[in-house]
PDB file of N, CA and C in Angstrom:
ATOM      1  N   MET A   1     -18.901 -39.182 -35.579  1.00  0.00           N
ATOM      2  CA  MET A   1     -18.704 -40.042 -36.827  1.00  0.00           C
ATOM      3  C   MET A   1     -18.210 -39.113 -37.578  1.00  0.00           C
ATOM      4  N   ILE A   2     -18.448 -38.052 -37.706  1.00  0.00           N
ATOM      5  CA  ILE A   2     -17.134 -36.664 -38.171  1.00  0.00           C
ATOM      6  C   ILE A   2     -15.804 -37.324 -38.020  1.00  0.00           C
ATOM      7  N   PHE A   3     -15.715 -37.364 -36.291  1.00  0.00           N
ATOM      8  CA  PHE A   3     -14.588 -37.495 -35.963  1.00  0.00           C
ATOM      9  C   PHE A   3     -13.936 -38.652 -36.481  1.00  0.00           C
ATOM     10  N   ASP A   4     -14.339 -39.509 -37.249  1.00  0.00           N
ATOM     11  CA  ASP A   4     -14.023 -40.659 -37.903  1.00  0.00           C
ATOM     12  C   ASP A   4     -13.232 -40.771 -39.267  1.00  0.00           C
ATOM     13  N   VAL A   5     -14.061 -39.798 -39.797  1.00  0.00           N
ATOM     14  CA  VAL A   5     -13.944 -39.352 -41.319  1.00  0.00           C
ATOM     15  C   VAL A   5     -12.525 -38.567 -40.919  1.00  0.00           C
ATOM     16  N   SER A   6     -12.278 -37.878 -40.257  1.00  0.00           N
ATOM     17  CA  SER A   6     -11.257 -36.951 -39.753  1.00  0.00           C
ATOM     18  C   SER A   6      -9.892 -37.736 -40.095  1.00  0.00           C
ATOM     19  N   LYS A   7     -10.352 -38.462 -38.952  1.00  0.00           N
ATOM     20  CA  LYS A   7      -9.182 -39.826 -38.633  1.00  0.00           C
ATOM     21  C   LYS A   7      -8.317 -40.379 -39.436  1.00  0.00           C
ATOM     22  N   LYS A   8      -9.771 -40.815 -40.796  1.00  0.00           N
ATOM     23  CA  LYS A   8      -9.092 -41.645 -41.975  1.00  0.00           C
ATOM     24  C   LYS A   8      -8.754 -40.647 -42.407  1.00  0.00           C
ATOM     25  N   ARG A   9      -9.246 -39.368 -42.397  1.00  0.00           N
ATOM     26  CA  ARG A   9      -8.685 -38.657 -43.671  1.00  0.00           C
ATOM     27  C   ARG A   9      -6.845 -38.807 -43.405  1.00  0.00           C
ATOM     28  N   PHE A  10      -6.647 -37.739 -42.225  1.00  0.00           N
ATOM     29  CA  PHE A  10      -5.847 -38.318 -41.821  1.00  0.00           C
ATOM     30  C   PHE A  10      -4.647 -39.273 -41.763  1.00  0.00           C
ATOM     31  N   ALA A  11      -5.514 -40.450 -40.966  1.00  0.00           N
ATOM     32  CA  ALA A  11      -3.931 -41.557 -41.514  1.00  0.00           C
ATOM     33  C   ALA A  11      -3.415 -41.472 -43.256  1.00  0.00           C
ATOM     34  N   ASN A  12      -4.480 -41.052 -44.395  1.00  0.00           N
ATOM     35  CA  ASN A  12      -4.500 -40.931 -45.735  1.00  0.00           C
ATOM     36  C   ASN A  12      -3.110 -39.935 -45.853  1.00  0.00           C
ATOM     37  N   ILE A  13      -3.054 -38.871 -45.134  1.00  0.00           N
ATOM     38  CA  ILE A  13      -2.226 -38.040 -45.483  1.00  0.00           C
ATOM     39  C   ILE A  13      -0.658 -38.843 -45.351  1.00  0.00           C
ATOM     40  N   ILE A  14      -0.690 -39.252 -43.878  1.00  0.00           N
ATOM     41  CA  ILE A  14       0.296 -40.301 -43.351  1.00  0.00           C
ATOM     42  C   ILE A  14       0.474 -40.341 -43.936  1.00  0.00           C
ATOM     43  N   VAL A  15       0.579 -41.708 -44.758  1.00  0.00           N
ATOM     44  CA  VAL A  15       0.481 -42.746 -45.838  1.00  0.00           C
ATOM     45  C   VAL A  15       0.364 -41.927 -47.073  1.00  0.00           C
ATOM     46  N   ALA A  16       0.456 -41.103 -47.270  1.00  0.00           N
ATOM     47  CA  ALA A  16       0.815 -39.872 -48.904  1.00  0.00           C
ATOM     48  C   ALA A  16       2.225 -39.321 -48.474  1.00  0.00           C
ATOM     49  N   ALA A  17       1.950 -38.835 -47.690  1.00  0.00           N
ATOM     50  CA  ALA A  17       3.347 -38.257 -47.449  1.00  0.00           C
ATOM     51  C   ALA A  17       4.661 -38.746 -47.053  1.00  0.00           C
ATOM     52  N   VAL A  18       4.250 -39.981 -46.304  1.00  0.00           N
ATOM     53  CA  VAL A  18       5.378 -41.350 -46.180  1.00  0.00           C
ATOM     54  C   VAL A  18       5.720 -41.474 -47.679  1.00  0.00           C
ATOM     55  N   VAL A  19       4.831 -41.239 -48.645  1.00  0.00           N
ATOM     56  CA  VAL A  19       5.005 -42.023 -50.053  1.00  0.00           C
ATOM     57  C   VAL A  19       5.846 -40.699 -50.506  1.00  0.00           C
ATOM     58  N   GLY A  20       5.415 -39.500 -50.628  1.00  0.00           N
ATOM     59  CA  GLY A  20       6.160 -38.665 -51.142  1.00  0.00           C
ATOM     60  C   GLY A  20       7.517 -38.784 -51.162  1.00  0.00           C
ATOM     61  N   LEU A  21       8.227 -38.153 -49.349  1.00  0.00           N
ATOM     62  CA  LEU A  21       9.476 -37.964 -48.210  1.00  0.00           C
ATOM     63  C   LEU A  21       9.442 -39.012 -49.212  1.00  0.00           C
ATOM     64  N   ASN A  22       9.206 -40.801 -48.925  1.00  0.00           N
ATOM     65  CA  ASN A  22      10.692 -41.681 -49.599  1.00  0.00           C
ATOM     66  C   ASN A  22      10.833 -41.416 -50.983  1.00  0.00           C
ATOM     67  N   THR A  23       9.888 -40.844 -52.019  1.00  0.00           N
ATOM     68  CA  THR A  23      10.434 -40.494 -53.195  1.00  0.00           C
ATOM     69  C   THR A  23      11.467 -39.497 -53.541  1.00  0.00           C
ATOM     70  N   ILE A  24      11.457 -38.430 -52.880  1.00  0.00           N
ATOM     71  CA  ILE A  24      12.227 -37.255 -52.852  1.00  0.00           C
ATOM     72  C   ILE A  24      13.323 -37.948 -52.079  1.00  0.00           C
ATOM     73  N   PHE A  25      13.353 -38.601 -51.007  1.00  0.00           N
ATOM     74  CA  PHE A  25      14.943 -39.198 -50.106  1.00  0.00           C
ATOM     75  C   PHE A  25      15.477 -39.877 -51.084  1.00  0.00           C
ATOM     76  N   ALA A  26      14.854 -40.843 -51.768  1.00  0.00           N
ATOM     77  CA  ALA A  26      15.315 -41.645 -53.224  1.00  0.00           C
ATOM     78  C   ALA A  26      16.030 -40.904 -54.321  1.00  0.00           C
ATOM     79  N   ALA A  27      15.434 -40.060 -54.546  1.00  0.00           N
ATOM     80  CA  ALA A  27      15.643 -38.883 -55.298  1.00  0.00           C
ATOM     81  C   ALA A  27      17.547 -38.009 -55.412  1.00  0.00           C
ATOM     82  N   ALA A  28      17.326 -37.772 -53.963  1.00  0.00           N
ATOM     83  CA  ALA A  28      17.927 -36.680 -53.172  1.00  0.00           C
ATOM     84  C   ALA A  28      19.671 -38.144 -53.289  1.00  0.00           C
ATOM     85  N   VAL A  29      18.868 -38.815 -52.826  1.00  0.00           N
ATOM     86  CA  VAL A  29      20.748 -39.813 -52.942  1.00  0.00           C
ATOM     87  C   VAL A  29      21.075 -40.555 -54.157  1.00  0.00           C
ATOM     88  N   LEU A  30      20.001 -39.965 -54.726  1.00  0.00           N
ATOM     89  CA  LEU A  30      21.019 -40.838 -56.311  1.00  0.00           C
ATOM     90  C   LEU A  30      21.183 -39.772 -56.547  1.00  0.00           C
ATOM     91  N   TYR A  31      20.889 -38.210 -56.351  1.00  0.00           N
ATOM     92  CA  TYR A  31      22.292 -37.049 -56.970  1.00  0.00           C
ATOM     93  C   TYR A  31      23.045 -37.130 -56.325  1.00  0.00           C
ATOM     94  N   VAL A  32      23.269 -37.590 -54.773  1.00  0.00           N
ATOM     95  CA  VAL A  32      24.680 -37.687 -54.256  1.00  0.00           C
ATOM     96  C   VAL A  32      25.110 -38.060 -55.052  1.00  0.00           C
ATOM     97  N   PHE A  33      24.552 -39.652 -54.968  1.00  0.00           N
ATOM     98  CA  PHE A  33      25.287 -41.092 -55.434  1.00  0.00           C
ATOM     99  C   PHE A  33      26.261 -39.935 -57.147  1.00  0.00           C
ATOM    100  N   CYS A  34      25.247 -39.757 -57.559  1.00  0.00           N
ATOM    101  CA  CYS A  34      25.939 -38.937 -58.761  1.00  0.00           C
ATOM    102  C   CYS A  34      26.515 -38.101 -58.484  1.00  0.00           C
ATOM    103  N   LYS A  35      27.001 -36.736 -57.578  1.00  0.00           N
ATOM    104  CA  LYS A  35      28.061 -36.515 -57.537  1.00  0.00           C
ATOM    105  C   LYS A  35      29.679 -37.145 -56.908  1.00  0.00           C
ATOM    106  N   VAL A  36      28.650 -37.700 -56.262  1.00  0.00           N
ATOM    107  CA  VAL A  36      30.395 -37.979 -55.214  1.00  0.00           C
ATOM    108  C   VAL A  36      30.387 -39.311 -54.781  1.00  0.00           C
ATOM    109  N   ALA A  37      30.065 -40.157 -55.858  1.00  0.00           N
ATOM    110  CA  ALA A  37      29.970 -41.900 -56.023  1.00  0.00           C
ATOM    111  C   ALA A  37      30.406 -42.576 -54.778  1.00  0.00           C
ATOM    112  N   SER A  38      29.591 -42.069 -53.867  1.00  0.00           N
ATOM    113  CA  SER A  38      29.325 -42.648 -52.322  1.00  0.00           C
ATOM    114  C   SER A  38      28.118 -42.758 -52.376  1.00  0.00           C
ATOM    115  N   GLU A  39      27.430 -43.882 -51.374  1.00  0.00           N
ATOM    116  CA  GLU A  39      26.171 -44.366 -51.283  1.00  0.00           C
ATOM    117  C   GLU A  39      25.796 -43.735 -49.198  1.00  0.00           C
ATOM    118  N   PRO A  40      25.428 -43.012 -49.017  1.00  0.00           N
ATOM    119  CA  PRO A  40      25.432 -43.203 -47.544  1.00  0.00           C
ATOM    120  C   PRO A  40      24.194 -44.864 -47.042  1.00  0.00           C
ATOM    121  N   THR A  41      24.776 -45.691 -46.615  1.00  0.00           N
ATOM    122  CA  THR A  41      24.362 -46.878 -46.289  1.00  0.00           C
ATOM    123  C   THR A  41      23.488 -46.879 -44.825  1.00  0.00           C
ATOM    124  N   ALA A  42      24.317 -46.029 -44.076  1.00  0.00           N
ATOM    125  CA  ALA A  42      23.332 -46.114 -42.927  1.00  0.00           C
ATOM    126  C   ALA A  42      22.857 -44.934 -42.697  1.00  0.00           C
ATOM    127  N   LEU A  43      22.462 -43.892 -43.518  1.00  0.00           N
ATOM    128  CA  LEU A  43      21.606 -43.034 -43.913  1.00  0.00           C
ATOM    129  C   LEU A  43      20.205 -43.790 -45.009  1.00  0.00           C
ATOM    130  N   ILE A  44      20.188 -44.319 -45.695  1.00  0.00           N
ATOM    131  CA  ILE A  44      19.240 -45.074 -46.689  1.00  0.00           C
ATOM    132  C   ILE A  44      18.997 -45.872 -45.549  1.00  0.00           C
ATOM    133  N   ALA A  45      19.666 -46.823 -45.087  1.00  0.00           N
ATOM    134  CA  ALA A  45      18.692 -48.301 -43.565  1.00  0.00           C
ATOM    135  C   ALA A  45      18.155 -47.536 -42.311  1.00  0.00           C
ATOM    136  N   ALA A  46      18.478 -45.984 -42.567  1.00  0.00           N
ATOM    137  CA  ALA A  46      17.780 -45.142 -41.272  1.00  0.00           C
ATOM    138  C   ALA A  46      16.325 -44.679 -41.005  1.00  0.00           C
ATOM    139  N   TRP A  47      16.704 -43.813 -42.899  1.00  0.00           N
ATOM    140  CA  TRP A  47      15.152 -43.308 -43.277  1.00  0.00           C
ATOM    141  C   TRP A  47      13.784 -44.236 -43.551  1.00  0.00           C
ATOM    142  N   PHE A  48      14.290 -45.428 -44.171  1.00  0.00           N
ATOM    143  CA  PHE A  48      13.796 -46.446 -44.718  1.00  0.00           C
ATOM    144  C   PHE A  48      13.025 -46.958 -43.180  1.00  0.00           C
ATOM    145  N   SER A  49      13.989 -47.348 -42.636  1.00  0.00           N
ATOM    146  CA  SER A  49      13.583 -48.056 -41.397  1.00  0.00           C
ATOM    147  C   SER A  49      12.246 -47.416 -40.378  1.00  0.00           C
ATOM    148  N   PHE A  50      12.851 -45.576 -40.111  1.00  0.00           N
ATOM    149  CA  PHE A  50      12.284 -45.608 -39.552  1.00  0.00           C
ATOM    150  C   PHE A  50      10.347 -44.737 -40.409  1.00  0.00           C
ATOM    151  N   THR A  51      10.733 -44.607 -41.784  1.00  0.00           N
ATOM    152  CA  THR A  51       8.982 -44.405 -42.822  1.00  0.00           C
ATOM    153  C   THR A  51       8.464 -46.080 -42.251  1.00  0.00           C
ATOM    154  N   THR A  52       9.432 -47.292 -43.164  1.00  0.00           N
ATOM    155  CA  THR A  52       8.272 -48.629 -42.581  1.00  0.00           C
ATOM    156  C   THR A  52       7.615 -48.519 -40.978  1.00  0.00           C
ATOM    157  N   GLY A  53       8.250 -48.562 -40.068  1.00  0.00           N
ATOM    158  CA  GLY A  53       8.262 -48.853 -38.666  1.00  0.00           C
ATOM    159  C   GLY A  53       6.880 -47.702 -38.459  1.00  0.00           C
ATOM    160  N   GLU A  54       6.488 -46.611 -38.968  1.00  0.00           N
ATOM    161  CA  GLU A  54       5.128 -45.248 -39.088  1.00  0.00           C
ATOM    162  C   GLU A  54       5.032 -46.107 -39.425  1.00  0.00           C
ATOM    163  N   LEU A  55       4.668 -46.671 -40.980  1.00  0.00           N
ATOM    164  CA  LEU A  55       3.328 -46.957 -41.442  1.00  0.00           C
ATOM    165  C   LEU A  55       3.053 -48.213 -40.701  1.00  0.00           C
ATOM    166  N   TRP A  56       4.238 -48.983 -40.197  1.00  0.00           N
ATOM    167  CA  TRP A  56       3.711 -50.431 -39.951  1.00  0.00           C
ATOM    168  C   TRP A  56       2.858 -49.685 -38.444  1.00  0.00           C
ATOM    169  N   MET A  57       3.690 -48.862 -37.334  1.00  0.00           N
ATOM    170  CA  MET A  57       2.267 -48.808 -36.358  1.00  0.00           C
ATOM    171  C   MET A  57       1.293 -48.108 -36.587  1.00  0.00           C
ATOM    172  N   LEU A  58       0.793 -47.597 -37.818  1.00  0.00           N
ATOM    173  CA  LEU A  58      -0.260 -46.907 -38.588  1.00  0.00           C
ATOM    174  C   LEU A  58      -1.334 -48.218 -38.809  1.00  0.00           C
ATOM    175  N   ALA A  59      -0.615 -48.680 -39.801  1.00  0.00           N
ATOM    176  CA  ALA A  59      -1.285 -50.197 -39.741  1.00  0.00           C
ATOM    177  C   ALA A  59      -2.016 -50.627 -38.947  1.00  0.00           C
ATOM    178  N   SER A  60      -1.075 -51.065 -37.462  1.00  0.00           N
ATOM    179  CA  SER A  60      -1.390 -51.585 -36.211  1.00  0.00           C
ATOM    180  C   SER A  60      -3.100 -51.084 -35.498  1.00  0.00           C
ATOM    181  N   ILE A  61      -2.697 -49.807 -35.838  1.00  0.00           N
ATOM    182  CA  ILE A  61      -3.929 -48.566 -35.056  1.00  0.00           C
ATOM    183  C   ILE A  61      -4.573 -49.383 -35.243  1.00  0.00           C
ATOM    184  N   LYS A  62      -4.746 -49.299 -36.949  1.00  0.00           N
ATOM    185  CA  LYS A  62      -6.205 -49.406 -37.299  1.00  0.00           C
ATOM    186  C   LYS A  62      -6.074 -50.770 -37.671  1.00  0.00           C
ATOM    187  N   LYS A  63      -5.460 -52.027 -37.901  1.00  0.00           N
ATOM    188  CA  LYS A  63      -5.816 -52.991 -37.323  1.00  0.00           C
ATOM    189  C   LYS A  63      -6.692 -53.346 -35.921  1.00  0.00           C
ATOM    190  N   THR A  64      -5.924 -52.635 -35.075  1.00  0.00           N
ATOM    191  CA  THR A  64      -6.223 -52.886 -33.203  1.00  0.00           C
ATOM    192  C   THR A  64      -7.862 -52.413 -33.474  1.00  0.00           C
ATOM    193  N   LYS A  65      -8.555 -50.973 -33.877  1.00  0.00           N
ATOM    194  CA  LYS A  65      -9.625 -50.322 -33.866  1.00  0.00           C
ATOM    195  C   LYS A  65     -10.693 -50.968 -34.987  1.00  0.00           C
ATOM    196  N   VAL A  66     -11.055 -51.989 -35.736  1.00  0.00           N
ATOM    197  CA  VAL A  66     -11.223 -52.621 -36.865  1.00  0.00           C
ATOM    198  C   VAL A  66     -11.564 -53.427 -35.325  1.00  0.00           C
ATOM    199  N   SER A  67     -10.596 -54.286 -35.095  1.00  0.00           N
ATOM    200  CA  SER A  67     -11.488 -55.460 -34.188  1.00  0.00           C
ATOM    201  C   SER A  67     -11.499 -55.256 -33.035  1.00  0.00           C
ATOM    202  N   GLN A  68     -11.757 -53.455 -32.449  1.00  0.00           N
ATOM    203  CA  GLN A  68     -12.257 -53.688 -31.179  1.00  0.00           C
ATOM    204  C   GLN A  68     -13.681 -53.299 -31.939  1.00  0.00           C
ATOM    205  N   ASN A  69     -14.343 -52.921 -32.939  1.00  0.00           N
ATOM    206  CA  ASN A  69     -15.547 -52.318 -32.960  1.00  0.00           C
ATOM    207  C   ASN A  69     -16.268 -53.865 -33.931  1.00  0.00           C
ATOM    208  N   ASN A  70     -15.027 -55.010 -34.193  1.00  0.00           N
ATOM    209  CA  ASN A  70     -15.961 -55.915 -34.089  1.00  0.00           C
ATOM    210  C   ASN A  70     -16.656 -56.780 -33.360  1.00  0.00           C
ATOM    211  N   ASN A  71     -15.350 -56.209 -31.646  1.00  0.00           N
ATOM    212  CA  ASN A  71     -16.373 -57.283 -30.761  1.00  0.00           C
ATOM    213  C   ASN A  71     -17.307 -56.363 -30.226  1.00  0.00           C
ATOM    214  N   LYS A  72     -17.527 -55.414 -30.608  1.00  0.00           N
ATOM    215  CA  LYS A  72     -18.182 -54.798 -29.792  1.00  0.00           C
ATOM    216  C   LYS A  72     -19.652 -54.751 -30.952  1.00  0.00           C
ATOM    217  N   GLU A  73     -19.828 -54.937 -31.539  1.00  0.00           N
ATOM    218  CA  GLU A  73     -20.777 -55.495 -32.671  1.00  0.00           C
ATOM    219  C   GLU A  73     -20.970 -57.230 -32.750  1.00  0.00           C
ATOM    220  N   GLY A  74     -20.401 -57.765 -32.193  1.00  0.00           N
ATOM    221  CA  GLY A  74     -20.139 -59.013 -31.877  1.00  0.00           C
ATOM    222  C   GLY A  74     -19.915 -60.566 -33.494  1.00  0.00           C
ATOM    223  N   VAL A  75     -19.437 -59.256 -33.772  1.00  0.00           N
ATOM    224  CA  VAL A  75     -18.622 -60.159 -35.303  1.00  0.00           C
ATOM    225  C   VAL A  75     -17.051 -60.749 -34.955  1.00  0.00           C
ATOM    226  N   SER A  76     -17.241 -61.942 -35.262  1.00  0.00           N
ATOM    227  CA  SER A  76     -16.109 -63.223 -34.881  1.00  0.00           C
ATOM    228  C   SER A  76     -14.884 -63.103 -36.082  1.00  0.00           C
ATOM    229  N   ASN A  77     -13.767 -62.530 -35.766  1.00  0.00           N
ATOM    230  CA  ASN A  77     -12.739 -63.265 -36.109  1.00  0.00           C
ATOM    231  C   ASN A  77     -11.839 -64.074 -36.688  1.00  0.00           C
ATOM    232  N   GLU A  78     -13.204 -65.170 -36.180  1.00  0.00           N
ATOM    233  CA  GLU A  78     -11.924 -66.672 -36.005  1.00  0.00           C
ATOM    234  C   GLU A  78     -12.531 -67.591 -36.991  1.00  0.00           C
ATOM    235  N   GLY A  79     -13.338 -67.394 -38.191  1.00  0.00           N
ATOM    236  CA  GLY A  79     -13.245 -67.546 -39.253  1.00  0.00           C
ATOM    237  C   GLY A  79     -12.966 -66.778 -40.287  1.00  0.00           C
ATOM    238  N   ASP A  80     -11.916 -65.782 -40.062  1.00  0.00           N
ATOM    239  CA  ASP A  80     -11.812 -64.943 -41.161  1.00  0.00           C
ATOM    240  C   ASP A  80     -10.076 -65.297 -42.148  1.00  0.00           C
ATOM    241  N   SER A  81     -10.437 -65.913 -43.311  1.00  0.00           N
ATOM    242  CA  SER A  81      -8.761 -66.192 -43.831  1.00  0.00           C
ATOM    243  C   SER A  81      -7.751 -65.005 -44.186  1.00  0.00           C
ATOM    244  N   ASN A  82      -8.168 -63.646 -43.352  1.00  0.00           N
ATOM    245  CA  ASN A  82      -7.712 -63.053 -44.093  1.00  0.00           C
ATOM    246  C   ASN A  82      -7.256 -62.345 -43.273  1.00  0.00           C
TER     247      ASN A  82
END
């Protein structure tokens, strides 16, 4: 049980870190754009693709674990509208 709490905390830390890093990255890109008057489009696309992929995989892992727990408990997901 304590292990589950630490996993949840780890996931929350990862989400907060990604949001914080995206904010810092966006501010840095705006600063560079103001100084150079050119935006690094490939870098922006790669960065946000990477961070979106990380969050998507974290959500996918969580969804799979919830589904497995429901199956163990005998809860059906067939009638769920979520």
